[in-house]
Amino acid sequence: MSNINQQQEQINIELDEKIAEGIYSNLAIINHSSSEFVLDFVSIMPGIPKAKVKSRIVLTPQHAKRLLKAIGENIHRFEVAHGEIKETEQVPIPLNFGPAGQA
């Protein structure tokens, strides 16, 4: 009986070729309101004073918390397999960079 329930609960997720290529990001800007979290992914290049948001993800607070947990678990598994991820010195970002206020 549990196999039948599992088969009914499966979701078929499709990944088209364009999305599968991915988008490079070396900066994430996170804002939130009382009802959602907004994650903007940006690619900043050295020596170029302008950057564009490459992708925006909008999440409910519950999904944001699940994402935080999932990323933490995956980082732990990665470090067990490959060693500790070393943090490098962070480049300061101007205070006026990115959106201000609520999403």
PDB file of N, CA and C in Angstrom:
ATOM      1  N   MET A   1       0.822  -1.188   0.000  1.00  0.00           N
ATOM      2  CA  MET A   1       0.000   0.000   0.000  1.00  0.00           C
ATOM      3  C   MET A   1       0.866   1.253   0.000  1.00  0.00           C
ATOM      4  N   SER A   2       1.998   1.259   0.711  1.00  0.00           N
ATOM      5  CA  SER A   2       2.849   2.454   0.758  1.00  0.00           C
ATOM      6  C   SER A   2       3.466   2.750  -0.604  1.00  0.00           C
ATOM      7  N   ASN A   3       3.752   1.724  -1.411  1.00  0.00           N
ATOM      8  CA  ASN A   3       4.277   1.950  -2.756  1.00  0.00           C
ATOM      9  C   ASN A   3       3.264   2.683  -3.632  1.00  0.00           C
ATOM     10  N   ILE A   4       1.993   2.349  -3.470  1.00  0.00           N
ATOM     11  CA  ILE A   4       0.945   3.019  -4.237  1.00  0.00           C
ATOM     12  C   ILE A   4       0.890   4.495  -3.849  1.00  0.00           C
ATOM     13  N   ASN A   5       0.962   4.787  -2.549  1.00  0.00           N
ATOM     14  CA  ASN A   5       0.948   6.176  -2.083  1.00  0.00           C
ATOM     15  C   ASN A   5       2.161   6.930  -2.588  1.00  0.00           C
ATOM     16  N   GLN A   6       3.332   6.301  -2.579  1.00  0.00           N
ATOM     17  CA  GLN A   6       4.547   6.951  -3.064  1.00  0.00           C
ATOM     18  C   GLN A   6       4.433   7.260  -4.551  1.00  0.00           C
ATOM     19  N   GLN A   7       3.868   6.340  -5.335  1.00  0.00           N
ATOM     20  CA  GLN A   7       3.727   6.566  -6.770  1.00  0.00           C
ATOM     21  C   GLN A   7       2.765   7.717  -7.040  1.00  0.00           C
ATOM     22  N   GLN A   8       1.708   7.830  -6.253  1.00  0.00           N
ATOM     23  CA  GLN A   8       0.747   8.910  -6.440  1.00  0.00           C
ATOM     24  C   GLN A   8       1.338  10.260  -6.047  1.00  0.00           C
ATOM     25  N   GLU A   9       2.300  10.289  -5.132  1.00  0.00           N
ATOM     26  CA  GLU A   9       2.879  11.530  -4.639  1.00  0.00           C
ATOM     27  C   GLU A   9       4.083  11.989  -5.449  1.00  0.00           C
ATOM     28  N   GLN A  10       4.562  11.202  -6.404  1.00  0.00           N
ATOM     29  CA  GLN A  10       5.709  11.589  -7.207  1.00  0.00           C
ATOM     30  C   GLN A  10       5.352  12.744  -8.123  1.00  0.00           C
ATOM     31  N   ILE A  11       6.314  13.639  -8.297  1.00  0.00           N
ATOM     32  CA  ILE A  11       6.135  14.782  -9.185  1.00  0.00           C
ATOM     33  C   ILE A  11       7.126  14.645 -10.326  1.00  0.00           C
ATOM     34  N   ASN A  12       6.648  14.812 -11.539  1.00  0.00           N
ATOM     35  CA  ASN A  12       7.507  14.772 -12.713  1.00  0.00           C
ATOM     36  C   ASN A  12       8.036  16.182 -12.948  1.00  0.00           C
ATOM     37  N   ILE A  13       9.324  16.391 -12.735  1.00  0.00           N
ATOM     38  CA  ILE A  13       9.942  17.710 -12.893  1.00  0.00           C
ATOM     39  C   ILE A  13      10.723  17.731 -14.192  1.00  0.00           C
ATOM     40  N   GLU A  14      10.394  18.701 -15.048  1.00  0.00           N
ATOM     41  CA  GLU A  14      11.083  18.842 -16.325  1.00  0.00           C
ATOM     42  C   GLU A  14      12.095  19.971 -16.229  1.00  0.00           C
ATOM     43  N   LEU A  15      13.217  19.806 -16.906  1.00  0.00           N
ATOM     44  CA  LEU A  15      14.281  20.807 -16.929  1.00  0.00           C
ATOM     45  C   LEU A  15      14.634  21.081 -18.383  1.00  0.00           C
ATOM     46  N   ASP A  16      14.236  22.255 -18.887  1.00  0.00           N
ATOM     47  CA  ASP A  16      14.539  22.520 -20.294  1.00  0.00           C
ATOM     48  C   ASP A  16      16.009  22.916 -20.451  1.00  0.00           C
ATOM     49  N   GLU A  17      16.495  22.868 -21.679  1.00  0.00           N
ATOM     50  CA  GLU A  17      17.927  23.049 -21.943  1.00  0.00           C
ATOM     51  C   GLU A  17      18.446  24.416 -21.497  1.00  0.00           C
ATOM     52  N   LYS A  18      17.680  25.462 -21.710  1.00  0.00           N
ATOM     53  CA  LYS A  18      18.117  26.808 -21.357  1.00  0.00           C
ATOM     54  C   LYS A  18      18.304  26.931 -19.838  1.00  0.00           C
ATOM     55  N   ILE A  19      17.342  26.445 -19.077  1.00  0.00           N
ATOM     56  CA  ILE A  19      17.434  26.500 -17.617  1.00  0.00           C
ATOM     57  C   ILE A  19      18.558  25.590 -17.128  1.00  0.00           C
ATOM     58  N   ALA A  20      18.756  24.455 -17.776  1.00  0.00           N
ATOM     59  CA  ALA A  20      19.796  23.505 -17.372  1.00  0.00           C
ATOM     60  C   ALA A  20      21.194  24.096 -17.483  1.00  0.00           C
ATOM     61  N   GLU A  21      21.382  25.086 -18.352  1.00  0.00           N
ATOM     62  CA  GLU A  21      22.691  25.740 -18.482  1.00  0.00           C
ATOM     63  C   GLU A  21      23.083  26.462 -17.197  1.00  0.00           C
ATOM     64  N   GLY A  22      22.105  26.933 -16.454  1.00  0.00           N
ATOM     65  CA  GLY A  22      22.380  27.643 -15.217  1.00  0.00           C
ATOM     66  C   GLY A  22      22.798  29.081 -15.462  1.00  0.00           C
ATOM     67  N   ILE A  23      22.882  29.832 -14.377  1.00  0.00           N
ATOM     68  CA  ILE A  23      23.310  31.225 -14.414  1.00  0.00           C
ATOM     69  C   ILE A  23      24.373  31.403 -13.347  1.00  0.00           C
ATOM     70  N   TYR A  24      25.522  31.971 -13.729  1.00  0.00           N
ATOM     71  CA  TYR A  24      26.598  32.205 -12.769  1.00  0.00           C
ATOM     72  C   TYR A  24      26.237  33.387 -11.873  1.00  0.00           C
ATOM     73  N   SER A  25      26.480  33.240 -10.586  1.00  0.00           N
ATOM     74  CA  SER A  25      26.251  34.316  -9.629  1.00  0.00           C
ATOM     75  C   SER A  25      27.342  34.286  -8.577  1.00  0.00           C
ATOM     76  N   ASN A  26      27.879  35.466  -8.263  1.00  0.00           N
ATOM     77  CA  ASN A  26      28.851  35.548  -7.179  1.00  0.00           C
ATOM     78  C   ASN A  26      28.393  36.527  -6.098  1.00  0.00           C
ATOM     79  N   LEU A  27      27.108  36.874  -6.144  1.00  0.00           N
ATOM     80  CA  LEU A  27      26.514  37.729  -5.121  1.00  0.00           C
ATOM     81  C   LEU A  27      25.031  37.427  -5.038  1.00  0.00           C
ATOM     82  N   ALA A  28      24.518  37.312  -3.823  1.00  0.00           N
ATOM     83  CA  ALA A  28      23.080  37.169  -3.618  1.00  0.00           C
ATOM     84  C   ALA A  28      22.630  38.296  -2.695  1.00  0.00           C
ATOM     85  N   ILE A  29      21.551  38.945  -3.082  1.00  0.00           N
ATOM     86  CA  ILE A  29      20.952  39.992  -2.258  1.00  0.00           C
ATOM     87  C   ILE A  29      19.610  39.452  -1.788  1.00  0.00           C
ATOM     88  N   ILE A  30      19.393  39.480  -0.487  1.00  0.00           N
ATOM     89  CA  ILE A  30      18.179  38.895   0.074  1.00  0.00           C
ATOM     90  C   ILE A  30      17.378  39.976   0.792  1.00  0.00           C
ATOM     91  N   ASN A  31      16.135  40.110   0.401  1.00  0.00           N
ATOM     92  CA  ASN A  31      15.195  41.019   1.060  1.00  0.00           C
ATOM     93  C   ASN A  31      13.987  40.204   1.481  1.00  0.00           C
ATOM     94  N   HIS A  32      13.211  40.742   2.411  1.00  0.00           N
ATOM     95  CA  HIS A  32      12.001  40.037   2.815  1.00  0.00           C
ATOM     96  C   HIS A  32      10.936  41.012   3.265  1.00  0.00           C
ATOM     97  N   SER A  33       9.710  40.550   3.175  1.00  0.00           N
ATOM     98  CA  SER A  33       8.562  41.240   3.734  1.00  0.00           C
ATOM     99  C   SER A  33       7.914  40.269   4.713  1.00  0.00           C
ATOM    100  N   SER A  34       6.752  40.603   5.190  1.00  0.00           N
ATOM    101  CA  SER A  34       6.085  39.692   6.127  1.00  0.00           C
ATOM    102  C   SER A  34       5.578  38.426   5.446  1.00  0.00           C
ATOM    103  N   SER A  35       5.489  38.440   4.107  1.00  0.00           N
ATOM    104  CA  SER A  35       4.906  37.287   3.424  1.00  0.00           C
ATOM    105  C   SER A  35       5.830  36.584   2.438  1.00  0.00           C
ATOM    106  N   GLU A  36       7.021  37.150   2.156  1.00  0.00           N
ATOM    107  CA  GLU A  36       7.893  36.501   1.179  1.00  0.00           C
ATOM    108  C   GLU A  36       9.350  36.900   1.364  1.00  0.00           C
ATOM    109  N   PHE A  37      10.217  36.029   0.863  1.00  0.00           N
ATOM    110  CA  PHE A  37      11.644  36.299   0.772  1.00  0.00           C
ATOM    111  C   PHE A  37      11.973  36.443  -0.709  1.00  0.00           C
ATOM    112  N   VAL A  38      12.794  37.428  -1.046  1.00  0.00           N
ATOM    113  CA  VAL A  38      13.193  37.651  -2.428  1.00  0.00           C
ATOM    114  C   VAL A  38      14.707  37.492  -2.495  1.00  0.00           C
ATOM    115  N   LEU A  39      15.172  36.545  -3.306  1.00  0.00           N
ATOM    116  CA  LEU A  39      16.603  36.301  -3.503  1.00  0.00           C
ATOM    117  C   LEU A  39      16.972  36.766  -4.900  1.00  0.00           C
ATOM    118  N   ASP A  40      17.813  37.790  -4.981  1.00  0.00           N
ATOM    119  CA  ASP A  40      18.323  38.273  -6.258  1.00  0.00           C
ATOM    120  C   ASP A  40      19.745  37.762  -6.428  1.00  0.00           C
ATOM    121  N   PHE A  41      20.013  37.115  -7.552  1.00  0.00           N
ATOM    122  CA  PHE A  41      21.332  36.583  -7.851  1.00  0.00           C
ATOM    123  C   PHE A  41      21.992  37.468  -8.896  1.00  0.00           C
ATOM    124  N   VAL A  42      23.202  37.936  -8.568  1.00  0.00           N
ATOM    125  CA  VAL A  42      23.904  38.937  -9.368  1.00  0.00           C
ATOM    126  C   VAL A  42      25.273  38.384  -9.744  1.00  0.00           C
ATOM    127  N   SER A  43      25.776  38.809 -10.882  1.00  0.00           N
ATOM    128  CA  SER A  43      27.134  38.489 -11.293  1.00  0.00           C
ATOM    129  C   SER A  43      27.909  39.803 -11.391  1.00  0.00           C
ATOM    130  N   ILE A  44      28.877  39.967 -10.498  1.00  0.00           N
ATOM    131  CA  ILE A  44      29.712  41.169 -10.481  1.00  0.00           C
ATOM    132  C   ILE A  44      31.057  40.808 -11.084  1.00  0.00           C
ATOM    133  N   MET A  45      31.528  41.619 -12.009  1.00  0.00           N
ATOM    134  CA  MET A  45      32.824  41.403 -12.628  1.00  0.00           C
ATOM    135  C   MET A  45      33.809  42.466 -12.156  1.00  0.00           C
ATOM    136  N   PRO A  46      35.063  42.070 -11.892  1.00  0.00           N
ATOM    137  CA  PRO A  46      36.063  43.032 -11.414  1.00  0.00           C
ATOM    138  C   PRO A  46      36.248  44.180 -12.408  1.00  0.00           C
ATOM    139  N   GLY A  47      36.327  45.391 -11.870  1.00  0.00           N
ATOM    140  CA  GLY A  47      36.587  46.558 -12.696  1.00  0.00           C
ATOM    141  C   GLY A  47      35.379  47.094 -13.440  1.00  0.00           C
ATOM    142  N   ILE A  48      34.236  46.453 -13.296  1.00  0.00           N
ATOM    143  CA  ILE A  48      33.021  46.927 -13.961  1.00  0.00           C
ATOM    144  C   ILE A  48      32.071  47.421 -12.873  1.00  0.00           C
ATOM    145  N   PRO A  49      31.791  48.733 -12.867  1.00  0.00           N
ATOM    146  CA  PRO A  49      31.016  49.311 -11.767  1.00  0.00           C
ATOM    147  C   PRO A  49      29.520  49.017 -11.814  1.00  0.00           C
ATOM    148  N   LYS A  50      29.034  48.361 -12.854  1.00  0.00           N
ATOM    149  CA  LYS A  50      27.614  48.087 -12.982  1.00  0.00           C
ATOM    150  C   LYS A  50      27.381  46.583 -13.034  1.00  0.00           C
ATOM    151  N   ALA A  51      26.327  46.141 -12.370  1.00  0.00           N
ATOM    152  CA  ALA A  51      25.975  44.723 -12.395  1.00  0.00           C
ATOM    153  C   ALA A  51      24.465  44.602 -12.506  1.00  0.00           C
ATOM    154  N   LYS A  52      24.013  43.508 -13.099  1.00  0.00           N
ATOM    155  CA  LYS A  52      22.582  43.272 -13.260  1.00  0.00           C
ATOM    156  C   LYS A  52      22.168  42.043 -12.480  1.00  0.00           C
ATOM    157  N   VAL A  53      20.929  42.081 -12.012  1.00  0.00           N
ATOM    158  CA  VAL A  53      20.341  40.885 -11.416  1.00  0.00           C
ATOM    159  C   VAL A  53      20.136  39.889 -12.543  1.00  0.00           C
ATOM    160  N   LYS A  54      20.689  38.700 -12.388  1.00  0.00           N
ATOM    161  CA  LYS A  54      20.586  37.657 -13.407  1.00  0.00           C
ATOM    162  C   LYS A  54      19.381  36.747 -13.189  1.00  0.00           C
ATOM    163  N   SER A  55      18.962  36.625 -11.921  1.00  0.00           N
ATOM    164  CA  SER A  55      17.828  35.761 -11.615  1.00  0.00           C
ATOM    165  C   SER A  55      17.225  36.200 -10.291  1.00  0.00           C
ATOM    166  N   ARG A  56      15.914  36.094 -10.182  1.00  0.00           N
ATOM    167  CA  ARG A  56      15.217  36.424  -8.933  1.00  0.00           C
ATOM    168  C   ARG A  56      14.329  35.246  -8.566  1.00  0.00           C
ATOM    169  N   ILE A  57      14.412  34.840  -7.299  1.00  0.00           N
ATOM    170  CA  ILE A  57      13.579  33.766  -6.771  1.00  0.00           C
ATOM    171  C   ILE A  57      12.757  34.348  -5.626  1.00  0.00           C
ATOM    172  N   VAL A  58      11.454  34.123  -5.647  1.00  0.00           N
ATOM    173  CA  VAL A  58      10.557  34.598  -4.595  1.00  0.00           C
ATOM    174  C   VAL A  58      10.041  33.366  -3.853  1.00  0.00           C
ATOM    175  N   LEU A  59      10.201  33.373  -2.531  1.00  0.00           N
ATOM    176  CA  LEU A  59       9.840  32.224  -1.701  1.00  0.00           C
ATOM    177  C   LEU A  59       8.932  32.642  -0.557  1.00  0.00           C
ATOM    178  N   THR A  60       8.087  31.724  -0.117  1.00  0.00           N
ATOM    179  CA  THR A  60       7.360  31.952   1.125  1.00  0.00           C
ATOM    180  C   THR A  60       8.365  31.816   2.275  1.00  0.00           C
ATOM    181  N   PRO A  61       8.073  32.374   3.446  1.00  0.00           N
ATOM    182  CA  PRO A  61       8.986  32.194   4.581  1.00  0.00           C
ATOM    183  C   PRO A  61       9.243  30.713   4.906  1.00  0.00           C
ATOM    184  N   GLN A  62       8.225  29.877   4.769  1.00  0.00           N
ATOM    185  CA  GLN A  62       8.393  28.444   5.054  1.00  0.00           C
ATOM    186  C   GLN A  62       9.350  27.800   4.057  1.00  0.00           C
ATOM    187  N   HIS A  63       9.224  28.145   2.780  1.00  0.00           N
ATOM    188  CA  HIS A  63      10.136  27.586   1.779  1.00  0.00           C
ATOM    189  C   HIS A  63      11.547  28.128   1.964  1.00  0.00           C
ATOM    190  N   ALA A  64      11.674  29.385   2.374  1.00  0.00           N
ATOM    191  CA  ALA A  64      12.999  29.955   2.621  1.00  0.00           C
ATOM    192  C   ALA A  64      13.699  29.194   3.747  1.00  0.00           C
ATOM    193  N   LYS A  65      12.951  28.858   4.788  1.00  0.00           N
ATOM    194  CA  LYS A  65      13.544  28.115   5.908  1.00  0.00           C
ATOM    195  C   LYS A  65      13.936  26.707   5.479  1.00  0.00           C
ATOM    196  N   ARG A  66      13.101  26.061   4.657  1.00  0.00           N
ATOM    197  CA  ARG A  66      13.447  24.725   4.144  1.00  0.00           C
ATOM    198  C   ARG A  66      14.675  24.780   3.243  1.00  0.00           C
ATOM    199  N   LEU A  67      14.790  25.853   2.446  1.00  0.00           N
ATOM    200  CA  LEU A  67      15.963  26.026   1.583  1.00  0.00           C
ATOM    201  C   LEU A  67      17.222  26.184   2.428  1.00  0.00           C
ATOM    202  N   LEU A  68      17.146  26.999   3.478  1.00  0.00           N
ATOM    203  CA  LEU A  68      18.285  27.176   4.381  1.00  0.00           C
ATOM    204  C   LEU A  68      18.737  25.832   4.956  1.00  0.00           C
ATOM    205  N   LYS A  69      17.781  25.027   5.407  1.00  0.00           N
ATOM    206  CA  LYS A  69      18.107  23.707   5.972  1.00  0.00           C
ATOM    207  C   LYS A  69      18.721  22.793   4.910  1.00  0.00           C
ATOM    208  N   ALA A  70      18.143  22.782   3.708  1.00  0.00           N
ATOM    209  CA  ALA A  70      18.644  21.918   2.633  1.00  0.00           C
ATOM    210  C   ALA A  70      20.055  22.315   2.214  1.00  0.00           C
ATOM    211  N   ILE A  71      20.316  23.610   2.118  1.00  0.00           N
ATOM    212  CA  ILE A  71      21.664  24.065   1.761  1.00  0.00           C
ATOM    213  C   ILE A  71      22.648  23.678   2.862  1.00  0.00           C
ATOM    214  N   GLY A  72      22.263  23.854   4.119  1.00  0.00           N
ATOM    215  CA  GLY A  72      23.135  23.461   5.229  1.00  0.00           C
ATOM    216  C   GLY A  72      23.481  21.981   5.201  1.00  0.00           C
ATOM    217  N   GLU A  73      22.486  21.137   4.944  1.00  0.00           N
ATOM    218  CA  GLU A  73      22.724  19.693   4.877  1.00  0.00           C
ATOM    219  C   GLU A  73      23.650  19.344   3.706  1.00  0.00           C
ATOM    220  N   ASN A  74      23.454  20.007   2.575  1.00  0.00           N
ATOM    221  CA  ASN A  74      24.299  19.732   1.409  1.00  0.00           C
ATOM    222  C   ASN A  74      25.722  20.228   1.617  1.00  0.00           C
ATOM    223  N   ILE A  75      25.903  21.366   2.272  1.00  0.00           N
ATOM    224  CA  ILE A  75      27.258  21.845   2.589  1.00  0.00           C
ATOM    225  C   ILE A  75      27.946  20.863   3.526  1.00  0.00           C
ATOM    226  N   HIS A  76      27.227  20.357   4.508  1.00  0.00           N
ATOM    227  CA  HIS A  76      27.809  19.376   5.436  1.00  0.00           C
ATOM    228  C   HIS A  76      28.270  18.131   4.679  1.00  0.00           C
ATOM    229  N   ARG A  77      27.417  17.600   3.792  1.00  0.00           N
ATOM    230  CA  ARG A  77      27.796  16.404   3.019  1.00  0.00           C
ATOM    231  C   ARG A  77      28.990  16.686   2.103  1.00  0.00           C
ATOM    232  N   PHE A  78      29.026  17.861   1.497  1.00  0.00           N
ATOM    233  CA  PHE A  78      30.146  18.239   0.632  1.00  0.00           C
ATOM    234  C   PHE A  78      31.440  18.271   1.439  1.00  0.00           C
ATOM    235  N   GLU A  79      31.396  18.905   2.627  1.00  0.00           N
ATOM    236  CA  GLU A  79      32.606  19.026   3.437  1.00  0.00           C
ATOM    237  C   GLU A  79      33.071  17.677   3.975  1.00  0.00           C
ATOM    238  N   VAL A  80      32.152  16.779   4.264  1.00  0.00           N
ATOM    239  CA  VAL A  80      32.536  15.430   4.685  1.00  0.00           C
ATOM    240  C   VAL A  80      33.286  14.732   3.551  1.00  0.00           C
ATOM    241  N   ALA A  81      32.815  14.926   2.326  1.00  0.00           N
ATOM    242  CA  ALA A  81      33.427  14.257   1.171  1.00  0.00           C
ATOM    243  C   ALA A  81      34.688  14.956   0.676  1.00  0.00           C
ATOM    244  N   HIS A  82      34.734  16.291   0.764  1.00  0.00           N
ATOM    245  CA  HIS A  82      35.811  17.044   0.101  1.00  0.00           C
ATOM    246  C   HIS A  82      36.629  17.943   1.021  1.00  0.00           C
ATOM    247  N   GLY A  83      36.297  18.002   2.280  1.00  0.00           N
ATOM    248  CA  GLY A  83      37.008  18.877   3.204  1.00  0.00           C
ATOM    249  C   GLY A  83      36.288  20.205   3.373  1.00  0.00           C
ATOM    250  N   GLU A  84      36.737  20.926   4.389  1.00  0.00           N
ATOM    251  CA  GLU A  84      36.087  22.190   4.748  1.00  0.00           C
ATOM    252  C   GLU A  84      36.173  23.215   3.616  1.00  0.00           C
ATOM    253  N   ILE A  85      35.081  23.911   3.401  1.00  0.00           N
ATOM    254  CA  ILE A  85      35.054  25.013   2.444  1.00  0.00           C
ATOM    255  C   ILE A  85      35.638  26.225   3.153  1.00  0.00           C
ATOM    256  N   LYS A  86      36.722  26.747   2.618  1.00  0.00           N
ATOM    257  CA  LYS A  86      37.373  27.916   3.210  1.00  0.00           C
ATOM    258  C   LYS A  86      36.722  29.184   2.682  1.00  0.00           C
ATOM    259  N   GLU A  87      36.421  30.098   3.577  1.00  0.00           N
ATOM    260  CA  GLU A  87      35.878  31.383   3.156  1.00  0.00           C
ATOM    261  C   GLU A  87      37.027  32.309   2.807  1.00  0.00           C
ATOM    262  N   THR A  88      36.875  33.024   1.704  1.00  0.00           N
ATOM    263  CA  THR A  88      37.891  33.994   1.309  1.00  0.00           C
ATOM    264  C   THR A  88      37.473  35.369   1.805  1.00  0.00           C
ATOM    265  N   GLU A  89      38.399  36.297   1.720  1.00  0.00           N
ATOM    266  CA  GLU A  89      38.098  37.659   2.154  1.00  0.00           C
ATOM    267  C   GLU A  89      36.975  38.218   1.289  1.00  0.00           C
ATOM    268  N   GLN A  90      35.983  38.821   1.936  1.00  0.00           N
ATOM    269  CA  GLN A  90      34.856  39.364   1.200  1.00  0.00           C
ATOM    270  C   GLN A  90      35.156  40.781   0.746  1.00  0.00           C
ATOM    271  N   VAL A  91      34.840  41.047  -0.510  1.00  0.00           N
ATOM    272  CA  VAL A  91      35.015  42.384  -1.062  1.00  0.00           C
ATOM    273  C   VAL A  91      33.867  43.250  -0.567  1.00  0.00           C
ATOM    274  N   PRO A  92      34.163  44.440  -0.028  1.00  0.00           N
ATOM    275  CA  PRO A  92      33.059  45.283   0.447  1.00  0.00           C
ATOM    276  C   PRO A  92      32.177  45.741  -0.716  1.00  0.00           C
ATOM    277  N   ILE A  93      30.891  45.738  -0.477  1.00  0.00           N
ATOM    278  CA  ILE A  93      29.929  46.159  -1.492  1.00  0.00           C
ATOM    279  C   ILE A  93      29.340  47.489  -1.037  1.00  0.00           C
ATOM    280  N   PRO A  94      29.238  48.465  -1.940  1.00  0.00           N
ATOM    281  CA  PRO A  94      28.686  49.766  -1.542  1.00  0.00           C
ATOM    282  C   PRO A  94      27.308  49.627  -0.917  1.00  0.00           C
ATOM    283  N   LEU A  95      27.029  50.470   0.075  1.00  0.00           N
ATOM    284  CA  LEU A  95      25.747  50.392   0.780  1.00  0.00           C
ATOM    285  C   LEU A  95      24.565  50.695  -0.133  1.00  0.00           C
ATOM    286  N   ASN A  96      24.773  51.433  -1.202  1.00  0.00           N
ATOM    287  CA  ASN A  96      23.670  51.767  -2.087  1.00  0.00           C
ATOM    288  C   ASN A  96      23.471  50.737  -3.190  1.00  0.00           C
ATOM    289  N   PHE A  97      24.143  49.607  -3.076  1.00  0.00           N
ATOM    290  CA  PHE A  97      24.030  48.563  -4.098  1.00  0.00           C
ATOM    291  C   PHE A  97      22.789  47.734  -3.845  1.00  0.00           C
ATOM    292  N   GLY A  98      22.026  47.509  -4.885  1.00  0.00           N
ATOM    293  CA  GLY A  98      20.880  46.621  -4.792  1.00  0.00           C
ATOM    294  C   GLY A  98      19.638  47.313  -4.312  1.00  0.00           C
ATOM    295  N   PRO A  99      18.539  46.566  -4.280  1.00  0.00           N
ATOM    296  CA  PRO A  99      17.261  47.135  -3.889  1.00  0.00           C
ATOM    297  C   PRO A  99      17.232  47.453  -2.408  1.00  0.00           C
ATOM    298  N   ALA A 100      16.456  48.453  -2.062  1.00  0.00           N
ATOM    299  CA  ALA A 100      16.325  48.830  -0.660  1.00  0.00           C
ATOM    300  C   ALA A 100      14.879  48.613  -0.224  1.00  0.00           C
ATOM    301  N   GLY A 101      14.679  48.377   1.044  1.00  0.00           N
ATOM    302  CA  GLY A 101      13.312  48.254   1.559  1.00  0.00           C
ATOM    303  C   GLY A 101      12.763  46.862   1.395  1.00  0.00           C
ATOM    304  N   GLN A 102      11.449  46.802   1.459  1.00  0.00           N
ATOM    305  CA  GLN A 102      10.768  45.516   1.411  1.00  0.00           C
ATOM    306  C   GLN A 102      10.523  45.066  -0.005  1.00  0.00           C
ATOM    307  N   ALA A 103      10.342  43.750  -0.123  1.00  0.00           N
ATOM    308  CA  ALA A 103      10.055  43.160  -1.433  1.00  0.00           C
ATOM    309  C   ALA A 103       8.612  43.351  -1.797  1.00  0.00           C
TER     310      ALA A 103
END
